Amino acid sequence: MAIHIRRREFIVTVASAAAARPFAARARQTVKIAVLSGLPENDPEGHARIKAFQEALEKLGWIDGRNVSFEVRWATPEVETIRRLAEELAALQPDLIVTQNTPSTTAMLQRTRVIPIIFVNIVDPIGSGLVANFLRPGGNVTGFVSLESTIVGKWLEWLKGIAPRVARVAVLFNPATASFAEYYLTPFKAAVRSFAVEAIAAPVRDLDALETTIADLGSKPNSGLIIMPDSFLITHRAVVTSLAARHRVPAVYPYRHFTEVGGLLSYGNDQLDNYQRAASYADRILKGEKPSELPVQAPVKFEMTINLNTAKMLNLEMPPDIVALADEVIE
């Protein structure tokens, strides 16, 4: 019996089979890695993250311009922009996609369930519906998480240690880019009982709301602030730290790049370390392993940074025991 296959059906069948084969089984060629950044192109932190990933890949034999090429798209906190860039990258049919936060990972998964995806420094991948579980994530995505929910207790502890008079604490986040907000808010509301402070959820959707919220906190004595690891706030970190200083609100931040631009104290995981570790997963996937079988990994390297200049400006006496715990002190 003769078998007739239409030309279009044949092309689709061959293309699908090629996409399904592990890279190691294909003819040797330059592989394409797509990166959807969670930060705009003018943000040096975004470039540092990608550089850390590329340098770690080089040590594993993947050299940019020789056997691997990169397609990078720089996002903004606007969800529609992220979705558009995700669609653009998926259309390029790369061998691997690297995403940098929850919105970008969610957007990529809405565009492809076939191309392998590695996420780096995202929050609550199970609660966000990205993976089934940490040990066997399932599907086409795995990666490295950022800060676990219990860290909010540490942020509160450091804030009270620096500013003992604080009686109300607001947690700042943008609902559009921090869909995981309850992941932190629930343990935060439980933790405040131990510190006898009022818990305030402070959602802000734009820069005007950001300024209004922090100004309102500053108008009320003994107010403090905790910043959620949210791409909107990370992108506008200089604005956040400037407003907190102007309105004399002591604040604790999740990452050191906040203290570098005037934040009081930061405590969180070393984000560049996660990007370096992500290179090992990229290597394994490009050699044929499946994301579904690579466990999601927690952060292993944490750092505290204190900005003494900001403490002096806020007339806060930084306790020596907290200073002694810092990995970096900015003076």
Protein backbone atom coordinates (compact mmCIF):
# COMPACT_ATOMS: atom_id res chain seq x y z
CA MET A 1 0.00 0.00 0.00
CA ALA A 2 1.41 3.38 -0.98
CA ILE A 3 1.61 6.00 1.74
CA HIS A 4 0.98 9.57 0.64
CA ILE A 5 2.11 12.43 2.87
CA ARG A 6 1.42 16.00 1.98
CA ARG A 7 4.49 18.22 1.75
CA ARG A 8 3.31 20.51 4.58
CA GLU A 9 2.58 17.54 6.86
CA PHE A 10 6.01 16.12 6.11
CA ILE A 11 7.76 19.38 6.99
CA VAL A 12 5.83 19.71 10.27
CA THR A 13 6.61 16.08 11.17
CA VAL A 14 10.33 16.49 10.49
CA ALA A 15 10.51 19.82 12.36
CA SER A 16 8.73 18.37 15.39
CA ALA A 17 11.02 15.38 15.46
CA ALA A 18 14.08 17.61 15.24
CA ALA A 19 12.84 19.75 18.13
CA ALA A 20 12.20 16.66 20.23
CA ARG A 21 15.68 15.18 19.70
CA PRO A 22 18.29 16.05 22.33
CA PHE A 23 20.96 18.37 21.00
CA ALA A 24 23.67 15.74 21.44
CA ALA A 25 21.89 13.57 18.87
CA ARG A 26 21.82 16.30 16.21
CA ALA A 27 24.56 17.12 13.79
CA ARG A 28 27.11 19.41 15.36
CA GLN A 29 26.08 23.02 14.96
CA THR A 30 25.82 26.27 16.85
CA VAL A 31 23.05 26.08 19.42
CA LYS A 32 20.84 29.04 20.13
CA ILE A 33 20.03 30.14 23.68
CA ALA A 34 17.31 32.72 24.17
CA VAL A 35 17.33 34.91 27.28
CA LEU A 36 14.31 36.89 28.44
CA SER A 37 15.66 39.41 30.94
CA GLY A 38 13.49 40.69 33.73
CA LEU A 39 15.22 44.07 33.60
CA PRO A 40 15.54 46.81 30.96
CA GLU A 41 18.63 47.05 28.76
CA ASN A 42 19.98 50.13 30.56
CA ASP A 43 20.14 48.30 33.90
CA PRO A 44 23.70 47.10 34.68
CA GLU A 45 22.35 44.41 36.99
CA GLY A 46 20.67 42.67 34.06
CA HIS A 47 23.94 42.65 32.10
CA ALA A 48 25.85 41.32 35.13
CA ARG A 49 23.42 38.40 35.42
CA ILE A 50 23.76 37.38 31.80
CA LYS A 51 27.54 37.79 31.92
CA ALA A 52 27.73 35.48 34.96
CA PHE A 53 25.70 32.86 33.08
CA GLN A 54 27.79 33.15 29.89
CA GLU A 55 31.11 32.97 31.74
CA ALA A 56 30.02 29.86 33.62
CA LEU A 57 28.91 28.31 30.31
CA GLU A 58 32.33 29.05 28.78
CA LYS A 59 33.98 26.99 31.50
CA LEU A 60 31.78 24.09 30.37
CA GLY A 61 32.86 24.47 26.76
CA TRP A 62 30.03 26.58 25.36
CA ILE A 63 31.71 29.57 23.71
CA ASP A 64 29.66 32.48 22.41
CA GLY A 65 30.24 32.84 18.66
CA ARG A 66 31.80 29.39 18.36
CA ASN A 67 29.28 26.74 19.33
CA VAL A 68 26.56 28.83 20.95
CA SER A 69 24.78 32.08 20.13
CA PHE A 70 22.54 34.19 22.32
CA GLU A 71 19.30 36.01 21.59
CA VAL A 72 18.63 38.44 24.47
CA ARG A 73 15.48 40.46 24.95
CA TRP A 74 15.33 43.15 27.60
CA ALA A 75 11.97 43.43 29.32
CA THR A 76 10.33 46.13 31.39
CA PRO A 77 7.95 45.60 34.33
CA GLU A 78 4.99 45.99 31.93
CA VAL A 79 3.35 42.59 31.52
CA GLU A 80 2.29 43.25 27.91
CA THR A 81 5.88 43.99 26.93
CA ILE A 82 7.04 40.77 28.53
CA ARG A 83 4.40 38.78 26.66
CA ARG A 84 5.35 40.35 23.34
CA LEU A 85 9.04 39.59 23.83
CA ALA A 86 8.24 36.02 24.91
CA GLU A 87 6.31 35.46 21.71
CA GLU A 88 9.19 36.90 19.70
CA LEU A 89 11.73 34.58 21.32
CA ALA A 90 9.55 31.48 21.01
CA ALA A 91 9.17 32.16 17.28
CA LEU A 92 12.97 31.91 16.92
CA GLN A 93 12.79 28.24 18.00
CA PRO A 94 15.91 28.33 20.21
CA ASP A 95 17.41 25.19 21.69
CA LEU A 96 17.02 26.57 25.21
CA ILE A 97 15.36 29.53 26.91
CA VAL A 98 16.55 31.23 30.11
CA THR A 99 14.06 33.38 32.03
CA GLN A 100 14.81 35.73 34.88
CA ASN A 101 11.68 36.13 36.96
CA THR A 102 8.12 34.90 37.48
CA PRO A 103 6.42 37.14 34.85
CA SER A 104 8.94 36.22 32.14
CA THR A 105 8.77 32.49 32.96
CA THR A 106 4.98 32.54 32.94
CA ALA A 107 4.95 34.36 29.60
CA MET A 108 7.37 31.87 28.01
CA LEU A 109 5.36 28.88 29.21
CA GLN A 110 2.29 30.40 27.60
CA ARG A 111 4.20 30.40 24.29
CA THR A 112 5.89 26.99 24.37
CA ARG A 113 5.55 23.70 26.21
CA VAL A 114 8.26 22.06 24.09
CA ILE A 115 11.41 24.21 24.18
CA PRO A 116 13.39 23.63 27.42
CA ILE A 117 13.24 26.55 29.86
CA ILE A 118 15.52 27.29 32.81
CA PHE A 119 14.27 29.94 35.23
CA VAL A 120 16.66 31.77 37.51
CA ASN A 121 15.83 33.57 40.75
CA ILE A 122 12.07 33.25 40.70
CA VAL A 123 9.73 33.03 43.68
CA ASP A 124 7.35 30.17 44.53
CA PRO A 125 7.36 28.16 41.27
CA ILE A 126 4.87 25.64 42.68
CA GLY A 127 2.38 28.25 43.87
CA SER A 128 2.75 30.08 40.55
CA GLY A 129 1.87 26.90 38.68
CA LEU A 130 5.22 26.65 36.88
CA VAL A 131 6.28 23.23 38.20
CA ALA A 132 4.57 20.25 39.81
CA ASN A 133 7.15 19.90 42.58
CA PHE A 134 10.80 20.61 43.29
CA LEU A 135 12.11 17.07 42.89
CA ARG A 136 10.47 16.30 39.55
CA PRO A 137 9.19 19.55 38.07
CA GLY A 138 7.57 17.94 35.04
CA GLY A 139 6.98 19.65 31.72
CA ASN A 140 9.66 21.65 29.92
CA VAL A 141 10.81 23.89 32.76
CA THR A 142 13.10 23.73 35.78
CA GLY A 143 15.51 26.10 37.46
CA PHE A 144 16.66 27.99 40.51
CA VAL A 145 14.49 29.77 43.04
CA SER A 146 15.17 32.99 44.86
CA LEU A 147 14.11 33.83 48.41
CA GLU A 148 11.91 31.44 50.38
CA SER A 149 8.93 32.78 52.31
CA THR A 150 10.54 32.32 55.75
CA ILE A 151 13.11 35.01 54.96
CA VAL A 152 10.46 37.65 55.69
CA GLY A 153 10.96 36.91 59.39
CA LYS A 154 14.66 37.76 59.02
CA TRP A 155 13.86 41.03 57.23
CA LEU A 156 11.56 41.99 60.08
CA GLU A 157 14.19 41.01 62.65
CA TRP A 158 16.86 43.18 61.00
CA LEU A 159 14.46 46.11 60.69
CA LYS A 160 13.55 46.01 64.38
CA GLY A 161 17.20 45.57 65.29
CA ILE A 162 18.15 48.72 63.40
CA ALA A 163 15.06 50.78 64.25
CA PRO A 164 13.65 49.43 67.54
CA ARG A 165 10.92 52.07 67.70
CA VAL A 166 9.24 50.88 64.52
CA ALA A 167 5.61 50.11 65.34
CA ARG A 168 4.14 49.58 61.87
CA VAL A 169 5.75 47.84 58.93
CA ALA A 170 4.55 47.92 55.33
CA VAL A 171 5.50 45.33 52.72
CA LEU A 172 5.83 46.98 49.33
CA PHE A 173 5.00 45.17 46.07
CA ASN A 174 3.38 45.59 42.66
CA PRO A 175 0.49 43.11 42.19
CA ALA A 176 1.09 43.01 38.42
CA THR A 177 4.68 41.78 38.72
CA ALA A 178 4.47 40.08 42.13
CA SER A 179 1.65 37.59 41.60
CA PHE A 180 3.34 35.62 44.39
CA ALA A 181 2.75 38.37 46.97
CA GLU A 182 0.79 36.16 49.38
CA TYR A 183 3.81 33.83 49.53
CA TYR A 184 5.47 36.54 51.63
CA LEU A 185 2.47 38.31 53.10
CA THR A 186 1.12 35.25 54.92
CA PRO A 187 4.31 34.52 56.93
CA PHE A 188 4.85 38.26 57.41
CA LYS A 189 1.47 38.66 59.10
CA ALA A 190 2.33 35.72 61.35
CA ALA A 191 5.81 37.05 62.16
CA VAL A 192 4.71 40.54 63.24
CA ARG A 193 3.01 39.09 66.31
CA SER A 194 6.42 38.26 67.77
CA PHE A 195 7.62 41.83 67.25
CA ALA A 196 4.46 43.66 68.38
CA VAL A 197 4.17 45.70 65.20
CA GLU A 198 1.29 46.44 62.85
CA ALA A 199 1.44 44.65 59.49
CA ILE A 200 0.53 46.61 56.37
CA ALA A 201 0.25 45.26 52.83
CA ALA A 202 1.27 48.08 50.48
CA PRO A 203 0.46 47.33 46.81
CA VAL A 204 1.66 49.93 44.30
CA ARG A 205 0.96 49.72 40.56
CA ASP A 206 2.98 52.67 39.27
CA LEU A 207 5.53 55.29 40.30
CA ASP A 208 2.90 57.76 41.45
CA ALA A 209 1.43 55.18 43.83
CA LEU A 210 4.94 54.31 44.97
CA GLU A 211 5.68 57.90 45.95
CA THR A 212 2.30 58.37 47.62
CA THR A 213 2.63 55.18 49.67
CA ILE A 214 6.13 55.91 50.98
CA ALA A 215 5.26 59.55 51.69
CA ASP A 216 2.24 58.41 53.68
CA LEU A 217 4.43 56.05 55.71
CA GLY A 218 6.87 58.85 56.38
CA SER A 219 4.09 61.06 57.71
CA LYS A 220 3.36 58.53 60.43
CA PRO A 221 6.01 58.23 63.16
CA ASN A 222 7.74 54.90 63.74
CA SER A 223 6.95 53.42 60.33
CA GLY A 224 9.19 50.92 58.56
CA LEU A 225 9.31 49.28 55.16
CA ILE A 226 10.13 45.87 53.70
CA ILE A 227 10.66 45.58 49.96
CA MET A 228 9.45 42.45 48.19
CA PRO A 229 11.70 40.86 45.50
CA ASP A 230 9.54 42.25 42.72
CA SER A 231 10.82 43.14 39.22
CA PHE A 232 8.95 46.47 39.25
CA LEU A 233 10.68 47.52 42.47
CA ILE A 234 14.03 46.14 41.33
CA THR A 235 13.82 48.13 38.10
CA HIS A 236 12.95 51.29 40.04
CA ARG A 237 15.21 50.58 43.01
CA ALA A 238 16.91 53.99 42.86
CA VAL A 239 13.50 55.65 43.14
CA VAL A 240 12.48 53.38 46.02
CA THR A 241 15.62 54.01 48.07
CA SER A 242 15.53 57.75 47.36
CA LEU A 243 11.91 58.02 48.51
CA ALA A 244 12.61 55.99 51.66
CA ALA A 245 15.52 58.29 52.52
CA ARG A 246 13.63 61.48 51.69
CA HIS A 247 10.68 60.54 53.89
CA ARG A 248 12.96 59.06 56.56
CA VAL A 249 11.49 55.56 56.47
CA PRO A 250 13.93 52.81 57.52
CA ALA A 251 13.70 49.95 55.04
CA VAL A 252 15.07 46.46 54.49
CA TYR A 253 15.64 45.23 50.94
CA PRO A 254 16.00 41.77 49.36
CA TYR A 255 19.18 42.30 47.30
CA ARG A 256 22.48 44.15 47.51
CA HIS A 257 21.83 46.25 44.39
CA PHE A 258 19.33 48.19 46.53
CA THR A 259 21.95 49.10 49.13
CA GLU A 260 24.37 50.03 46.36
CA VAL A 261 22.01 52.86 45.39
CA GLY A 262 21.28 54.07 48.91
CA GLY A 263 19.22 51.35 50.59
CA LEU A 264 19.72 50.91 54.34
CA LEU A 265 20.18 47.15 54.63
CA SER A 266 19.72 44.21 52.28
CA TYR A 267 19.61 40.51 52.99
CA GLY A 268 19.00 37.85 50.39
CA ASN A 269 20.55 35.35 48.06
CA ASP A 270 23.47 36.14 45.78
CA GLN A 271 21.63 36.39 42.47
CA LEU A 272 24.74 36.06 40.32
CA ASP A 273 25.52 32.77 42.02
CA ASN A 274 22.23 31.34 40.80
CA TYR A 275 23.07 32.39 37.24
CA GLN A 276 26.42 30.66 37.48
CA ARG A 277 24.73 27.50 38.75
CA ALA A 278 22.15 27.70 35.97
CA ALA A 279 24.93 27.14 33.44
CA SER A 280 25.34 23.55 34.66
CA TYR A 281 21.67 22.88 33.89
CA ALA A 282 22.03 24.47 30.46
CA ASP A 283 24.98 22.19 29.76
CA ARG A 284 23.05 19.09 30.83
CA ILE A 285 19.94 20.00 28.83
CA LEU A 286 21.92 20.79 25.68
CA LYS A 287 23.55 17.37 26.05
CA GLY A 288 20.20 15.63 26.15
CA GLU A 289 18.77 15.65 29.68
CA LYS A 290 15.16 16.70 30.20
CA PRO A 291 14.12 19.68 32.35
CA SER A 292 11.34 17.57 33.83
CA GLU A 293 13.95 15.33 35.45
CA LEU A 294 16.22 18.07 36.83
CA PRO A 295 15.11 19.16 40.32
CA VAL A 296 14.39 22.78 41.10
CA GLN A 297 17.17 24.08 43.33
CA ALA A 298 17.09 26.48 46.26
CA PRO A 299 19.67 29.26 46.74
CA VAL A 300 22.84 28.33 48.59
CA LYS A 301 24.68 31.65 48.91
CA PHE A 302 23.28 34.56 50.91
CA GLU A 303 24.67 38.02 51.63
CA MET A 304 23.93 40.98 53.87
CA THR A 305 24.93 44.51 52.90
CA ILE A 306 24.66 47.58 55.13
CA ASN A 307 24.86 51.19 54.00
CA LEU A 308 26.22 53.20 56.94
CA ASN A 309 25.84 56.47 55.03
CA THR A 310 22.09 55.91 54.85
CA ALA A 311 21.97 54.92 58.53
CA LYS A 312 23.65 58.20 59.48
CA MET A 313 21.28 60.18 57.29
CA LEU A 314 18.33 58.55 59.07
CA ASN A 315 19.96 59.17 62.49
CA LEU A 316 20.05 55.43 63.17
CA GLU A 317 22.76 53.85 65.29
CA MET A 318 23.67 50.61 63.56
CA PRO A 319 24.10 47.90 66.26
CA PRO A 320 27.64 46.47 66.24
CA ASP A 321 26.35 42.88 66.30
CA ILE A 322 24.39 43.48 63.07
CA VAL A 323 27.35 45.22 61.44
CA ALA A 324 29.52 42.25 62.39
CA LEU A 325 27.18 39.93 60.45
CA ALA A 326 27.37 41.97 57.24
CA ASP A 327 29.24 40.64 54.22
CA GLU A 328 29.71 44.19 52.97
CA VAL A 329 29.53 47.58 54.66
CA ILE A 330 29.18 50.68 52.53
CA GLU A 331 30.65 53.81 54.16
